[in-house]
Protein backbone atom coordinates (compact mmCIF):
# COMPACT_ATOMS: atom_id res chain seq x y z
CA MET A 1 0.09 -0.12 0.00
CA PHE A 2 3.00 2.28 0.60
CA SER A 3 4.08 1.90 -3.03
CA ARG A 4 0.80 1.33 -4.72
CA LEU A 5 -1.21 4.37 -3.21
CA PRO A 6 -0.25 7.95 -3.63
CA PHE A 7 1.62 8.87 -0.44
CA TYR A 8 1.85 12.58 0.25
CA GLN A 9 4.46 12.39 2.99
CA ARG A 10 7.11 10.98 0.58
CA LYS A 11 5.93 12.10 -2.83
CA GLY A 12 4.54 15.56 -1.92
CA ALA A 13 2.28 17.38 -4.40
CA ALA A 14 2.07 14.49 -6.79
CA ALA A 15 0.13 12.53 -4.13
CA TYR A 16 -1.91 15.41 -2.58
CA ARG A 17 -5.68 14.63 -3.25
CA PRO A 18 -7.86 17.56 -2.08
CA GLY A 19 -11.61 16.98 -1.85
CA LEU A 20 -14.01 14.63 -0.02
CA ASP A 21 -15.83 12.80 -2.87
CA SER A 22 -13.65 9.74 -2.71
CA MET A 23 -13.49 9.74 1.06
CA ASN A 24 -17.34 10.11 1.26
CA SER A 25 -17.52 7.11 -1.13
CA LEU A 26 -15.14 5.11 0.95
CA ASP A 27 -17.06 6.11 4.04
CA LEU A 28 -20.22 4.79 2.38
CA HIS A 29 -18.39 1.57 1.34
CA LEU A 30 -17.30 0.98 5.03
CA GLY A 31 -20.79 1.79 6.36
CA HIS A 32 -20.07 5.17 8.06
CA PRO A 33 -17.95 3.88 10.96
CA HIS A 34 -17.22 7.35 12.45
CA LYS A 35 -20.86 7.64 13.36
CA SER A 36 -20.55 4.96 16.01
CA TYR A 37 -18.57 7.16 18.56
CA LYS A 38 -18.03 10.76 19.48
CA THR A 39 -15.13 12.55 17.76
CA ILE A 40 -13.00 15.73 18.56
CA HIS A 41 -11.54 17.18 15.39
CA ILE A 42 -8.03 18.99 15.52
CA ALA A 43 -6.52 21.21 12.93
CA GLY A 44 -3.75 23.81 12.95
CA THR A 45 -0.37 24.78 11.70
CA ASN A 46 1.76 23.80 14.69
CA GLY A 47 1.01 21.83 17.89
CA LYS A 48 -2.01 19.84 16.61
CA GLY A 49 -0.22 16.53 17.27
CA SER A 50 0.75 17.41 20.77
CA THR A 51 -2.57 18.93 21.46
CA SER A 52 -4.27 15.74 20.16
CA HIS A 53 -2.21 13.60 22.38
CA MET A 54 -2.83 15.65 25.42
CA ILE A 55 -6.59 15.61 24.86
CA ALA A 56 -6.50 11.76 24.35
CA SER A 57 -4.41 11.37 27.58
CA ILE A 58 -6.90 13.27 29.69
CA LEU A 59 -9.70 11.23 28.15
CA GLN A 60 -7.96 7.99 28.90
CA THR A 61 -7.12 9.10 32.33
CA ALA A 62 -10.83 9.85 33.10
CA GLY A 63 -11.57 6.21 32.02
CA TYR A 64 -12.87 6.59 28.57
CA LYS A 65 -11.83 4.19 25.68
CA THR A 66 -10.07 6.59 23.49
CA GLY A 67 -9.14 6.34 19.73
CA LEU A 68 -6.38 8.62 18.50
CA TYR A 69 -5.70 9.27 14.74
CA THR A 70 -2.50 11.21 13.82
CA SER A 71 -0.01 11.53 11.06
CA PRO A 72 2.64 11.17 9.90
CA HIS A 73 4.35 8.29 11.72
CA LEU A 74 7.94 8.17 12.76
CA LEU A 75 9.01 4.41 13.14
CA ASP A 76 5.97 2.49 12.51
CA PHE A 77 2.88 3.10 10.40
CA ARG A 78 0.71 1.83 13.15
CA GLU A 79 1.61 4.85 15.28
CA ARG A 80 -1.08 6.67 13.32
CA ILE A 81 -3.93 4.62 14.87
CA LYS A 82 -4.00 4.00 18.54
CA ILE A 83 -6.52 3.13 21.24
CA ASN A 84 -5.51 4.12 24.78
CA GLY A 85 -2.02 4.39 23.67
CA GLU A 86 -1.72 0.92 21.93
CA MET A 87 -1.07 0.84 18.26
CA ILE A 88 -3.57 -0.96 15.92
CA PRO A 89 -2.32 -4.59 15.80
CA GLU A 90 -0.45 -5.78 12.60
CA ASN A 91 -3.23 -8.45 11.88
CA GLU A 92 -5.86 -5.68 11.93
CA VAL A 93 -3.99 -3.73 9.39
CA THR A 94 -3.53 -6.64 6.96
CA LEU A 95 -7.20 -7.79 7.61
CA PHE A 96 -8.42 -4.47 6.59
CA ILE A 97 -6.34 -4.12 3.61
CA ASP A 98 -7.03 -7.65 2.32
CA SER A 99 -10.72 -6.95 2.83
CA HIS A 100 -10.76 -3.83 0.86
CA LYS A 101 -7.69 -3.85 -1.52
CA ASN A 102 -9.73 -4.23 -4.74
CA TYR A 103 -11.71 -1.09 -3.80
CA PHE A 104 -8.69 0.97 -2.90
CA GLU A 105 -6.97 0.28 -6.13
CA THR A 106 -10.04 0.53 -8.46
CA GLN A 107 -11.25 3.79 -6.88
CA LYS A 108 -7.66 5.27 -6.93
CA LEU A 109 -7.63 6.26 -3.28
CA SER A 110 -4.73 7.94 -1.78
CA PHE A 111 -2.63 6.37 1.16
CA PHE A 112 -4.11 8.86 3.58
CA GLU A 113 -7.75 8.20 2.62
CA MET A 114 -7.08 4.41 3.09
CA THR A 115 -5.50 4.99 6.53
CA VAL A 116 -8.31 7.38 7.65
CA GLY A 117 -10.84 4.66 6.55
CA MET A 118 -8.85 1.98 8.46
CA ALA A 119 -8.69 4.27 11.64
CA PHE A 120 -12.45 4.95 11.63
CA SER A 121 -13.34 1.25 11.12
CA TYR A 122 -10.92 0.02 13.72
CA PHE A 123 -12.39 2.42 16.32
CA LYS A 124 -15.80 1.30 15.52
CA LYS A 125 -14.76 -2.33 15.91
CA GLU A 126 -13.16 -1.70 19.17
CA ASP A 127 -16.25 0.23 20.46
CA VAL A 128 -14.36 3.41 21.53
CA ASP A 129 -16.04 6.01 23.58
CA PHE A 130 -14.12 8.98 21.88
CA ALA A 131 -11.90 9.24 18.88
CA VAL A 132 -9.44 12.30 18.69
CA ILE A 133 -8.85 12.97 15.01
CA GLU A 134 -6.06 15.03 13.85
CA VAL A 135 -6.37 16.76 10.33
CA GLY A 136 -3.75 15.86 7.85
CA LEU A 137 -3.30 18.87 5.87
CA GLY A 138 -5.46 22.11 6.00
CA GLY A 139 -8.91 21.18 7.03
CA ARG A 140 -11.72 22.12 4.54
CA LEU A 141 -10.60 19.43 1.90
CA ASP A 142 -8.90 17.09 4.27
CA ALA A 143 -10.12 13.48 4.40
CA THR A 144 -10.74 13.51 7.98
CA ASN A 145 -13.32 16.34 7.41
CA ILE A 146 -16.25 13.93 6.77
CA ILE A 147 -16.89 13.65 10.48
CA MET A 148 -19.49 15.54 12.49
CA PRO A 149 -17.47 16.09 15.65
CA ILE A 150 -18.69 17.18 19.18
CA LEU A 151 -15.96 19.65 19.25
CA SER A 152 -13.61 21.29 16.76
CA VAL A 153 -10.15 22.68 17.66
CA ILE A 154 -7.79 24.86 15.67
CA THR A 155 -4.41 25.36 17.50
CA ASN A 156 -2.87 28.25 15.37
CA ILE A 157 -2.33 29.53 12.00
CA GLY A 158 1.15 29.93 10.37
CA LEU A 159 2.55 29.91 6.86
CA ASP A 160 2.98 26.29 5.94
CA HIS A 161 1.87 24.16 2.88
CA THR A 162 1.38 27.46 1.16
CA GLN A 163 1.18 25.77 -2.29
CA PHE A 164 -1.98 24.12 -1.21
CA LEU A 165 -3.49 26.38 1.45
CA GLY A 166 -2.72 29.77 0.37
CA THR A 167 0.02 32.43 0.86
CA THR A 168 -1.41 34.53 3.69
CA ARG A 169 -2.53 33.77 7.11
CA PRO A 170 -6.21 34.73 6.31
CA GLN A 171 -6.38 32.29 3.39
CA ILE A 172 -4.72 29.49 5.42
CA ALA A 173 -7.24 30.35 8.28
CA ALA A 174 -10.12 29.98 5.87
CA GLU A 175 -8.95 26.43 4.93
CA LYS A 176 -8.39 25.37 8.49
CA ALA A 177 -11.86 26.98 9.49
CA GLY A 178 -13.36 24.50 7.05
CA ILE A 179 -13.64 21.95 9.94
CA ILE A 180 -16.18 24.19 11.67
CA LYS A 181 -19.60 22.51 11.64
CA ASN A 182 -23.11 23.77 12.38
CA GLY A 183 -23.73 24.50 16.10
CA ILE A 184 -20.37 22.85 17.00
CA THR A 185 -18.29 24.91 19.37
CA VAL A 186 -14.71 25.63 18.10
CA VAL A 187 -11.71 26.24 20.40
CA VAL A 188 -9.02 28.36 18.70
CA GLY A 189 -5.68 28.25 20.49
CA LYS A 190 -4.05 31.63 19.40
CA LYS A 191 -5.76 34.74 18.78
CA ASP A 192 -4.38 36.66 15.65
CA PRO A 193 -5.87 39.96 14.37
CA LEU A 194 -5.26 38.84 10.83
CA THR A 195 -7.24 35.54 11.22
CA ASP A 196 -9.80 36.46 13.93
CA PRO A 197 -12.25 37.94 11.35
CA ILE A 198 -12.19 34.65 9.32
CA PHE A 199 -13.05 32.55 12.51
CA GLN A 200 -15.66 35.13 13.50
CA GLU A 201 -17.31 34.97 10.30
CA LYS A 202 -17.26 31.26 9.94
CA THR A 203 -18.65 30.51 13.32
CA LEU A 204 -21.39 33.17 12.89
CA LYS A 205 -22.48 31.52 9.54
CA HIS A 206 -22.51 28.06 11.25
CA CYS A 207 -24.15 29.24 14.56
CA ALA A 208 -21.16 27.94 16.43
CA SER A 209 -19.57 29.16 19.65
CA LEU A 210 -15.99 30.51 19.20
CA ILE A 211 -13.69 30.24 22.37
CA TYR A 212 -10.06 31.40 22.36
CA ALA A 213 -7.96 29.35 24.71
CA GLU A 214 -5.43 32.20 25.17
CA ASP A 215 -7.98 34.15 26.98
CA THR A 216 -8.10 31.79 29.81
CA SER A 217 -5.39 31.17 32.47
CA PHE A 218 -4.47 27.78 33.83
CA ASP A 219 -1.41 26.53 35.81
CA TYR A 220 -1.26 22.91 34.34
CA LYS A 221 2.00 21.16 33.73
CA SER A 222 2.74 18.38 31.18
CA ASP A 223 5.40 15.71 30.74
CA LEU A 224 5.86 17.22 27.16
CA LYS A 225 8.88 19.49 27.57
CA GLY A 226 9.54 22.68 25.66
CA ALA A 227 8.16 26.19 26.47
CA TYR A 228 6.25 26.07 23.23
CA GLN A 229 3.96 23.36 24.94
CA LYS A 230 2.41 25.89 27.07
CA GLU A 231 0.03 27.05 24.40
CA ASN A 232 -0.82 23.45 23.58
CA ILE A 233 -1.61 22.74 27.24
CA LYS A 234 -3.95 25.77 27.48
CA THR A 235 -5.75 24.71 24.15
CA ALA A 236 -6.05 21.02 25.21
CA THR A 237 -7.27 22.06 28.67
CA VAL A 238 -9.88 24.49 27.32
CA ALA A 239 -11.07 21.96 24.88
CA ILE A 240 -11.50 19.36 27.47
CA LYS A 241 -13.59 21.80 29.70
CA GLN A 242 -15.96 22.42 26.71
CA LEU A 243 -16.89 18.68 26.72
CA SER A 244 -18.28 19.00 30.23
CA LEU A 245 -17.74 15.20 30.93
CA ASN A 246 -18.42 13.41 34.11
CA GLY A 247 -15.28 12.43 36.06
CA ILE A 248 -13.19 15.14 34.54
CA ASN A 249 -11.94 17.63 37.12
CA LYS A 250 -8.70 19.47 37.83
CA GLU A 251 -6.96 16.57 39.24
CA ILE A 252 -7.86 14.29 36.31
CA ILE A 253 -6.71 17.02 33.70
CA GLN A 254 -3.45 17.51 35.64
CA LYS A 255 -2.77 13.68 35.89
CA GLY A 256 -3.56 13.30 32.18
CA LEU A 257 -1.35 16.11 31.00
CA LYS A 258 1.66 14.77 33.14
CA SER A 259 1.08 11.17 31.60
CA VAL A 260 0.88 12.09 27.90
CA ILE A 261 4.01 10.31 26.83
CA THR A 262 3.12 7.22 29.19
CA ASN A 263 -0.49 7.03 28.01
CA THR A 264 -0.22 7.71 24.32
CA ASN A 265 3.47 6.79 23.53
CA LEU A 266 4.07 10.08 21.71
CA LEU A 267 7.54 10.48 20.02
CA GLY A 268 9.53 13.29 18.92
CA ARG A 269 8.39 16.39 20.87
CA TRP A 270 11.42 17.74 22.68
CA GLN A 271 12.32 14.13 23.32
CA LEU A 272 15.44 13.67 25.53
CA ILE A 273 17.51 10.83 24.17
CA TYR A 274 20.73 11.27 26.29
CA LYS A 275 21.29 13.39 29.49
CA GLN A 276 24.87 14.22 29.15
CA PRO A 277 25.78 15.61 26.73
CA ARG A 278 22.04 16.37 26.08
CA VAL A 279 20.65 15.00 22.84
CA ILE A 280 17.11 16.09 21.99
CA PHE A 281 14.80 15.16 19.07
CA ASP A 282 12.00 17.53 17.95
CA VAL A 283 9.81 17.36 14.81
CA GLY A 284 9.62 21.16 14.45
CA HIS A 285 9.98 21.89 10.85
CA ASN A 286 8.45 25.35 9.84
CA LYS A 287 9.25 28.77 10.61
CA GLU A 288 6.72 29.10 13.53
CA GLY A 289 7.71 25.59 15.04
CA LEU A 290 11.43 26.45 15.03
CA TYR A 291 10.85 30.01 16.22
CA TYR A 292 9.36 28.45 19.53
CA ILE A 293 12.18 25.98 19.76
CA CYS A 294 14.82 28.70 19.43
CA LYS A 295 12.86 30.74 21.97
CA HIS A 296 13.02 27.77 24.36
CA LEU A 297 16.81 27.21 23.69
CA ARG A 298 17.33 30.82 24.99
CA THR A 299 16.10 29.58 28.42
CA LEU A 300 18.61 26.67 28.49
CA LYS A 301 22.32 26.52 29.66
CA TYR A 302 24.82 24.72 27.39
CA LYS A 303 28.31 25.27 26.08
CA ASN A 304 27.93 24.70 22.41
CA LEU A 305 24.80 24.18 20.23
CA HIS A 306 25.00 21.48 17.63
CA LEU A 307 22.16 20.98 15.10
CA VAL A 308 21.36 17.95 12.85
CA MET A 309 18.95 19.08 10.37
CA GLY A 310 17.35 18.29 6.86
CA PHE A 311 14.32 19.71 5.05
CA VAL A 312 11.83 19.05 2.57
CA ILE A 313 11.33 20.88 -0.77
CA GLY A 314 9.57 24.23 -0.39
CA ARG A 315 11.31 25.40 2.90
CA ASP A 316 13.26 28.71 2.92
CA VAL A 317 16.23 27.05 4.58
CA LYS A 318 18.16 30.32 4.80
CA GLU A 319 15.39 31.73 6.80
CA LEU A 320 15.07 28.64 9.01
CA ILE A 321 18.79 28.46 9.71
CA SER A 322 18.96 32.13 10.61
CA LEU A 323 16.64 31.63 13.49
CA PHE A 324 19.36 29.81 15.42
CA PRO A 325 22.18 31.40 17.54
CA SER A 326 25.04 32.59 15.35
CA LYS A 327 27.59 30.38 16.96
CA SER A 328 25.59 27.11 16.27
CA LYS A 329 27.30 24.26 14.40
CA PHE A 330 25.17 22.66 11.79
CA TYR A 331 25.26 19.12 10.41
CA LEU A 332 22.99 19.12 7.28
CA SER A 333 21.94 16.49 4.94
CA ALA A 334 18.78 15.32 3.05
CA PRO A 335 16.26 12.98 4.51
CA ASP A 336 15.67 9.90 2.61
CA LEU A 337 12.42 10.66 0.69
CA ASP A 338 11.40 11.91 -2.79
CA ARG A 339 10.51 15.49 -1.49
CA ALA A 340 13.75 15.98 0.35
CA PHE A 341 15.64 19.22 0.00
CA PRO A 342 18.62 17.91 -1.96
CA ILE A 343 22.22 18.61 -0.46
CA GLU A 344 23.44 20.40 -3.68
CA ASN A 345 20.48 22.84 -3.22
CA LEU A 346 21.24 23.36 0.42
CA LYS A 347 24.88 24.25 -0.41
CA LEU A 348 23.55 26.67 -3.18
CA ASN A 349 21.08 28.27 -0.84
CA LEU A 350 23.47 28.57 1.97
CA SER A 351 26.77 29.46 0.14
CA ASP A 352 27.01 32.91 1.51
CA SER A 353 26.02 31.87 5.10
CA THR A 354 28.40 32.79 7.96
CA PHE A 355 27.18 29.82 10.05
CA ASP A 356 29.43 26.81 10.75
CA ILE A 357 27.89 24.44 8.30
CA ASN A 358 29.04 20.87 7.35
CA TYR A 359 27.27 18.72 4.77
CA PHE A 360 26.90 15.00 4.78
CA GLU A 361 25.73 12.12 2.52
CA SER A 362 22.88 11.08 4.94
CA ILE A 363 21.04 11.97 8.06
CA PRO A 364 22.52 8.96 9.86
CA ILE A 365 26.00 9.90 8.99
CA ALA A 366 25.45 13.54 10.00
CA TYR A 367 24.02 12.32 13.40
CA LYS A 368 26.86 9.99 14.07
CA LYS A 369 29.38 12.74 13.36
CA ALA A 370 27.58 15.17 15.62
CA LEU A 371 27.51 12.55 18.39
CA ASN A 372 31.19 12.00 17.99
CA THR A 373 31.93 15.80 18.15
CA ILE A 374 29.86 17.02 21.15
CA THR A 375 31.40 17.41 24.51
CA LYS A 376 29.87 16.95 28.09
CA ASN A 377 28.12 20.39 28.38
CA ASP A 378 27.00 20.69 24.88
CA LEU A 379 23.52 20.34 23.51
CA LEU A 380 22.70 18.43 20.28
CA LEU A 381 19.26 19.08 18.74
CA VAL A 382 17.82 17.09 15.85
CA CYS A 383 15.08 18.87 14.05
CA GLY A 384 14.03 20.53 10.76
CA SER A 385 11.74 17.66 9.54
CA THR A 386 9.56 14.80 10.86
CA PHE A 387 11.71 12.60 8.54
CA VAL A 388 14.95 13.51 9.86
CA VAL A 389 13.71 12.67 13.33
CA ALA A 390 12.28 9.44 12.06
CA GLU A 391 15.77 8.36 10.69
CA VAL A 392 17.65 9.17 13.87
CA LEU A 393 14.96 7.45 16.03
CA ALA A 394 15.41 4.39 13.93
CA LEU A 395 19.16 4.55 14.39
CA GLU A 396 18.80 4.67 18.11
CA LYS A 397 16.24 1.95 18.37
CA LYS A 398 18.67 -0.21 16.24
CA LYS A 399 21.36 0.45 18.82
CA ASN A 400 19.27 -0.63 21.62
CA GLU A 401 17.95 -3.85 20.09
C-alpha cells in the first residue's frame, strides 16, 4: 500500500488529493463507521499533534476508551492509529487491507484516505467512547473532514503548505476553518488579528460558539517538555472543559497532562535521548515551530549548540537556519524521501552563510558525526523535518535492540 497508493509524506504534491468525494464514497463503502462514537477534530499549523495527544491522554485518564488518529508516523505506520496508547495490531492492518484492497485500487484512493478509513473502522470495531482525530493537511478538503465532531479545535495559523492552502494567514485560516460545523463549538488556541475575522465570520455563519484558549489562565504542567507546549496545554485544557464530561476535574486534567508520553507513547516532541551531553529530538519543521524551539533554547544553559537538520522541498532554508544562535554548528543532509531538499540545493542556498555548516551524505552519517563531536556540556538538537527525526530514532532503536 505504501508503494501502490499515492503517499503525500514521501511524494509531496504529486500525491496530494484535495476534496471529499472519494472519502465520502469510501465512508459509504465502509458503512459510516465514524458515526458509532464521538469525535473531536483538531486542525492547526503547529501543535495539533501534541494537542491531540494531550486531549487523548486526559480522556484516557478519566477512564474513557479513546481512539487517536494522527499523522505522519515516525517509526511504525501503526503509530497513526491507537486506542488508549496501543497501536493497531498488525493483523488488523492486514485484515483491513485484504478486505478492501480491490476497492482501494479501483477507486484510486490516496494512502491517507485508506489510512483514515482504516482508523475509523478500527475504532468502531473496538467500540471506543471517543476518537481524537488530527487533520492531515488544511481542514476544509482534508479526508478527515467527513466527521461531525462534538468539538472542533484549531491550534494556530502559520505559513505552511502554502502551495496548497494559500500564501497569507487569512487564506490559510479559511482552509483550517473548514472543519467548523453547524452548532459545534470551536476552540482556537491563538488569537491573531489577521485571522480572527475569518473565524468570527465562519462561526457566525454556522451558529457555532468561538472560544479562544489564550483568553483563559491555567497553571497545568505536562510531561511534554519545551516552552512552546504551554500554548498546547492551554488549548487542550480549554477543549476538554468544553466537553463537560463526568469524572473530569482539575486532578484528572493534571494527571492526564503529566502522563501524555506514558498514556499515548508520543515520540519526537522535545524528546530527551541522552542526558549528558544532552541530545534532543524534535519534529519542529516550519518557521513558527522552529521559532518556538529557538525561544526555548534561550532559556537553557549549554556550552555549544549542535544541530542535525534536513528539510523538505519548499522550505526557505536560509530563513530557518537564521533563527538559530549565530555560533551554532550545523550538520546538514537530506532525509531519505522523494521530496527531500537535496544537499546540492542546500549548498547553493547557504553558500554565503556565515554559520558553521557541514554537509553529509545522509542524515544517519550527519548524526553520528555530531554525536562524536559534542562534549559533556554541549546540546545536540535534531530537528527540521519529521523525517529527519524518524531516521535518527530508527538509528537509536537499532542500537538498543
